[in-house]
């Protein structure tokens, strides 16, 4: 249920908000792993920081619209960071 006075989110807005939240939780999980093992700590801290400042800045510029192209670009930037992280992990085990 939405709060009184707040507009309901469209399906596309929910999808992009969920994608951003999933990537953020994945980054927090990787940060925990990195701090526990001492591997790639700087990347993990930087990735979480980049997400916090990126999502907040994109939402401010988009006036809270999760389906705005700027917010979508921010989400895709972190999908690429996830791909680079996966490539580094795959390369490490070869």
C-alpha atoms as a PDB file:
ATOM      1  CA  UNK A   1       0.000   0.000   0.000  1.00  0.00           C
ATOM      2  CA  UNK A   2       1.239   3.472  -0.740  1.00  0.00           C
ATOM      3  CA  UNK A   3       1.158   6.313   1.729  1.00  0.00           C
ATOM      4  CA  UNK A   4      -1.538   8.955   1.291  1.00  0.00           C
ATOM      5  CA  UNK A   5      -0.315  11.690  -1.004  1.00  0.00           C
ATOM      6  CA  UNK A   6       2.378   9.566  -2.669  1.00  0.00           C
ATOM      7  CA  UNK A   7       1.825   8.469  -6.265  1.00  0.00           C
ATOM      8  CA  UNK A   8       1.864   4.767  -7.052  1.00  0.00           C
ATOM      9  CA  UNK A   9       4.876   3.472  -8.945  1.00  0.00           C
ATOM     10  CA  UNK A  10       4.434   2.139 -12.457  1.00  0.00           C
ATOM     11  CA  UNK A  11       5.654  -1.316 -13.408  1.00  0.00           C
ATOM     12  CA  UNK A  12       8.720   0.076 -15.139  1.00  0.00           C
ATOM     13  CA  UNK A  13       9.614   2.203 -12.107  1.00  0.00           C
ATOM     14  CA  UNK A  14       9.293  -0.839  -9.848  1.00  0.00           C
ATOM     15  CA  UNK A  15      11.536  -2.881 -12.145  1.00  0.00           C
ATOM     16  CA  UNK A  16      14.331  -0.290 -12.172  1.00  0.00           C
ATOM     17  CA  UNK A  17      14.026   0.337  -8.419  1.00  0.00           C
ATOM     18  CA  UNK A  18      14.240  -3.415  -7.746  1.00  0.00           C
ATOM     19  CA  UNK A  19      17.247  -3.720 -10.061  1.00  0.00           C
ATOM     20  CA  UNK A  20      19.045  -0.919  -8.243  1.00  0.00           C
ATOM     21  CA  UNK A  21      18.227  -2.422  -4.846  1.00  0.00           C
ATOM     22  CA  UNK A  22      19.415  -5.882  -5.922  1.00  0.00           C
ATOM     23  CA  UNK A  23      22.710  -4.479  -7.201  1.00  0.00           C
ATOM     24  CA  UNK A  24      23.172  -2.491  -3.993  1.00  0.00           C
ATOM     25  CA  UNK A  25      22.556  -5.558  -1.827  1.00  0.00           C
ATOM     26  CA  UNK A  26      24.984  -7.546  -3.969  1.00  0.00           C
ATOM     27  CA  UNK A  27      27.603  -4.819  -3.495  1.00  0.00           C
ATOM     28  CA  UNK A  28      27.031  -4.835   0.275  1.00  0.00           C
ATOM     29  CA  UNK A  29      27.431  -8.629   0.280  1.00  0.00           C
ATOM     30  CA  UNK A  30      30.652  -8.373  -1.709  1.00  0.00           C
ATOM     31  CA  UNK A  31      31.871  -5.695   0.709  1.00  0.00           C
ATOM     32  CA  UNK A  32      31.323  -8.106   3.590  1.00  0.00           C
ATOM     33  CA  UNK A  33      33.197 -10.835   1.720  1.00  0.00           C
ATOM     34  CA  UNK A  34      36.039  -8.451   0.864  1.00  0.00           C
ATOM     35  CA  UNK A  35      36.404  -7.226   4.440  1.00  0.00           C
ATOM     36  CA  UNK A  36      36.349 -10.797   5.728  1.00  0.00           C
ATOM     37  CA  UNK A  37      38.975 -12.110   3.307  1.00  0.00           C
ATOM     38  CA  UNK A  38      40.966  -8.932   2.662  1.00  0.00           C
ATOM     39  CA  UNK A  39      40.611  -9.368  -1.116  1.00  0.00           C
ATOM     40  CA  UNK A  40      39.617  -6.389  -3.325  1.00  0.00           C
ATOM     41  CA  UNK A  41      38.626  -4.264  -0.335  1.00  0.00           C
ATOM     42  CA  UNK A  42      39.213  -0.961  -2.136  1.00  0.00           C
ATOM     43  CA  UNK A  43      37.015  -2.010  -5.068  1.00  0.00           C
ATOM     44  CA  UNK A  44      34.254  -3.168  -2.720  1.00  0.00           C
ATOM     45  CA  UNK A  45      34.258   0.054  -0.683  1.00  0.00           C
ATOM     46  CA  UNK A  46      34.442   2.178  -3.828  1.00  0.00           C
ATOM     47  CA  UNK A  47      31.616   0.292  -5.511  1.00  0.00           C
ATOM     48  CA  UNK A  48      29.278   0.792  -2.545  1.00  0.00           C
ATOM     49  CA  UNK A  49      30.231   4.473  -2.328  1.00  0.00           C
ATOM     50  CA  UNK A  50      29.748   4.949  -6.061  1.00  0.00           C
ATOM     51  CA  UNK A  51      26.301   3.385  -5.839  1.00  0.00           C
ATOM     52  CA  UNK A  52      25.229   5.552  -2.919  1.00  0.00           C
ATOM     53  CA  UNK A  53      26.317   8.816  -4.506  1.00  0.00           C
ATOM     54  CA  UNK A  54      25.261   7.733  -8.004  1.00  0.00           C
ATOM     55  CA  UNK A  55      21.746   6.650  -7.103  1.00  0.00           C
ATOM     56  CA  UNK A  56      21.118   9.665  -4.882  1.00  0.00           C
ATOM     57  CA  UNK A  57      22.403  12.074  -7.521  1.00  0.00           C
ATOM     58  CA  UNK A  58      20.468  10.395 -10.313  1.00  0.00           C
ATOM     59  CA  UNK A  59      17.242  10.407  -8.299  1.00  0.00           C
ATOM     60  CA  UNK A  60      17.693  14.081  -7.412  1.00  0.00           C
ATOM     61  CA  UNK A  61      18.224  15.016 -11.053  1.00  0.00           C
ATOM     62  CA  UNK A  62      15.324  12.769 -12.139  1.00  0.00           C
ATOM     63  CA  UNK A  63      13.023  14.253  -9.469  1.00  0.00           C
ATOM     64  CA  UNK A  64      12.410  10.812  -7.938  1.00  0.00           C
ATOM     65  CA  UNK A  65      11.521   9.017 -11.179  1.00  0.00           C
ATOM     66  CA  UNK A  66      13.034   5.526 -11.154  1.00  0.00           C
ATOM     67  CA  UNK A  67      12.264   5.106 -14.867  1.00  0.00           C
ATOM     68  CA  UNK A  68      14.194   8.254 -15.863  1.00  0.00           C
ATOM     69  CA  UNK A  69      16.992   7.597 -18.403  1.00  0.00           C
ATOM     70  CA  UNK A  70      19.614   8.998 -16.005  1.00  0.00           C
ATOM     71  CA  UNK A  71      18.641   6.509 -13.287  1.00  0.00           C
ATOM     72  CA  UNK A  72      18.542   3.679 -15.833  1.00  0.00           C
ATOM     73  CA  UNK A  73      22.050   4.638 -16.956  1.00  0.00           C
ATOM     74  CA  UNK A  74      23.237   4.548 -13.351  1.00  0.00           C
ATOM     75  CA  UNK A  75      21.814   1.042 -12.924  1.00  0.00           C
ATOM     76  CA  UNK A  76      23.451  -0.142 -16.152  1.00  0.00           C
ATOM     77  CA  UNK A  77      26.780   1.339 -15.016  1.00  0.00           C
ATOM     78  CA  UNK A  78      26.640  -0.923 -11.971  1.00  0.00           C
ATOM     79  CA  UNK A  79      25.629  -3.906 -14.107  1.00  0.00           C
ATOM     80  CA  UNK A  80      28.859  -3.293 -16.064  1.00  0.00           C
ATOM     81  CA  UNK A  81      30.810  -3.081 -12.784  1.00  0.00           C
ATOM     82  CA  UNK A  82      29.293  -6.430 -11.813  1.00  0.00           C
ATOM     83  CA  UNK A  83      30.376  -7.845 -15.180  1.00  0.00           C
ATOM     84  CA  UNK A  84      33.917  -6.596 -14.644  1.00  0.00           C
ATOM     85  CA  UNK A  85      33.948  -8.136 -11.169  1.00  0.00           C
ATOM     86  CA  UNK A  86      32.762 -11.447 -12.617  1.00  0.00           C
ATOM     87  CA  UNK A  87      35.484 -11.270 -15.296  1.00  0.00           C
ATOM     88  CA  UNK A  88      38.161 -10.696 -12.657  1.00  0.00           C
ATOM     89  CA  UNK A  89      36.903 -13.621 -10.564  1.00  0.00           C
ATOM     90  CA  UNK A  90      36.734 -15.930 -13.590  1.00  0.00           C
ATOM     91  CA  UNK A  91      40.226 -14.861 -14.630  1.00  0.00           C
ATOM     92  CA  UNK A  92      41.563 -15.512 -11.113  1.00  0.00           C
ATOM     93  CA  UNK A  93      40.375 -19.135 -11.167  1.00  0.00           C
ATOM     94  CA  UNK A  94      41.836 -19.990 -14.591  1.00  0.00           C
END
